[in-house]
Amino acid sequence: MPQAGEYYIILNGADVPVAVIQIESVEVMPMNEVSEEFALAEGEGDYQFWWDAHEQFFSELLNEYGQQFAPSMLVVCERFKKVYAV
């Protein structure tokens, strides 16, 4: 589980380092309680787009383990800041 203050190297699709981030906060909550403000901070469309993309991702991943997506499943919500970019 990530912890506030930790640093991580971010890789691109070719596994090349492109940035270093520092975790600012970590919260575990049911997916259906993730705020619109948090979802929009990811910068990938509106709240419905965020929900649909995450539901599809988790559904496909959970299916590989014989599990099903549930709106109340717990998710890890991280806030971070970029501290270095290549």
Protein backbone atom coordinates (compact mmCIF):
# COMPACT_ATOMS: atom_id res chain seq x y z
CA MET A 1 0.00 0.00 0.00
CA PRO A 2 1.47 3.37 -0.96
CA GLN A 3 2.23 5.84 1.83
CA ALA A 4 2.25 9.62 1.84
CA GLY A 5 5.78 10.90 1.30
CA GLU A 6 6.95 7.99 -0.84
CA TYR A 7 8.50 8.57 -4.28
CA TYR A 8 7.79 6.54 -7.42
CA ILE A 9 9.29 6.42 -10.90
CA ILE A 10 6.69 6.65 -13.67
CA LEU A 11 7.35 4.67 -16.86
CA ASN A 12 5.89 5.23 -20.31
CA GLY A 13 4.47 2.47 -22.53
CA ALA A 14 7.99 1.41 -23.51
CA ASP A 15 9.05 1.08 -19.85
CA VAL A 16 11.26 4.17 -20.08
CA PRO A 17 11.29 6.46 -17.01
CA VAL A 18 9.54 9.76 -17.69
CA ALA A 19 8.87 11.27 -14.26
CA VAL A 20 9.22 10.98 -10.51
CA ILE A 21 6.18 11.57 -8.32
CA GLN A 22 5.71 11.96 -4.58
CA ILE A 23 2.58 10.60 -2.93
CA GLU A 24 0.73 13.36 -1.04
CA SER A 25 -2.21 11.34 0.33
CA VAL A 26 -3.74 7.88 0.19
CA GLU A 27 -7.36 6.98 0.96
CA VAL A 28 -9.17 3.66 0.67
CA MET A 29 -12.90 4.02 -0.03
CA PRO A 30 -15.77 2.38 -1.88
CA MET A 31 -15.62 3.26 -5.57
CA ASN A 32 -19.13 4.70 -5.45
CA GLU A 33 -17.94 7.20 -2.83
CA VAL A 34 -15.05 8.61 -4.91
CA SER A 35 -15.85 12.29 -5.35
CA GLU A 36 -16.35 13.91 -8.70
CA GLU A 37 -13.57 16.35 -7.77
CA PHE A 38 -11.13 13.46 -7.27
CA ALA A 39 -12.19 11.76 -10.52
CA LEU A 40 -11.84 14.98 -12.51
CA ALA A 41 -8.35 15.52 -11.10
CA GLU A 42 -7.24 12.56 -13.22
CA GLY A 43 -7.88 14.81 -16.23
CA GLU A 44 -9.49 12.24 -18.51
CA GLY A 45 -12.97 13.57 -19.30
CA ASP A 46 -16.03 14.02 -17.14
CA TYR A 47 -17.15 11.98 -14.13
CA GLN A 48 -19.20 9.54 -16.22
CA PHE A 49 -16.20 8.86 -18.45
CA TRP A 50 -14.06 8.24 -15.34
CA TRP A 51 -16.67 5.87 -13.89
CA ASP A 52 -17.18 3.92 -17.13
CA ALA A 53 -13.44 3.56 -17.78
CA HIS A 54 -12.75 2.34 -14.23
CA GLU A 55 -15.73 -0.01 -14.20
CA GLN A 56 -14.55 -1.57 -17.47
CA PHE A 57 -10.95 -1.85 -16.25
CA PHE A 58 -11.89 -3.43 -12.92
CA SER A 59 -14.51 -5.71 -14.50
CA GLU A 60 -11.98 -7.12 -16.98
CA LEU A 61 -9.27 -7.51 -14.34
CA LEU A 62 -11.56 -9.11 -11.74
CA ASN A 63 -13.01 -11.47 -14.35
CA GLU A 64 -9.53 -13.00 -14.74
CA TYR A 65 -9.79 -14.03 -11.07
CA GLY A 66 -13.39 -15.22 -11.20
CA GLN A 67 -14.60 -12.11 -9.37
CA GLN A 68 -17.19 -9.50 -10.31
CA PHE A 69 -17.15 -5.73 -10.18
CA ALA A 70 -19.30 -4.12 -7.48
CA PRO A 71 -19.83 -0.34 -7.14
CA SER A 72 -19.08 -0.64 -3.41
CA MET A 73 -15.70 -2.35 -3.88
CA LEU A 74 -12.78 -0.66 -2.18
CA VAL A 75 -10.33 1.34 -4.27
CA VAL A 76 -7.08 3.09 -3.37
CA CYS A 77 -7.18 6.81 -4.19
CA GLU A 78 -3.79 8.50 -4.36
CA ARG A 79 -2.98 12.16 -4.74
CA PHE A 80 0.53 12.92 -5.90
CA LYS A 81 2.71 15.67 -7.25
CA LYS A 82 5.27 15.49 -10.02
CA VAL A 83 8.68 16.31 -8.61
CA TYR A 84 10.81 15.59 -11.69
CA ALA A 85 10.10 15.13 -15.39
CA VAL A 86 12.53 13.78 -17.97
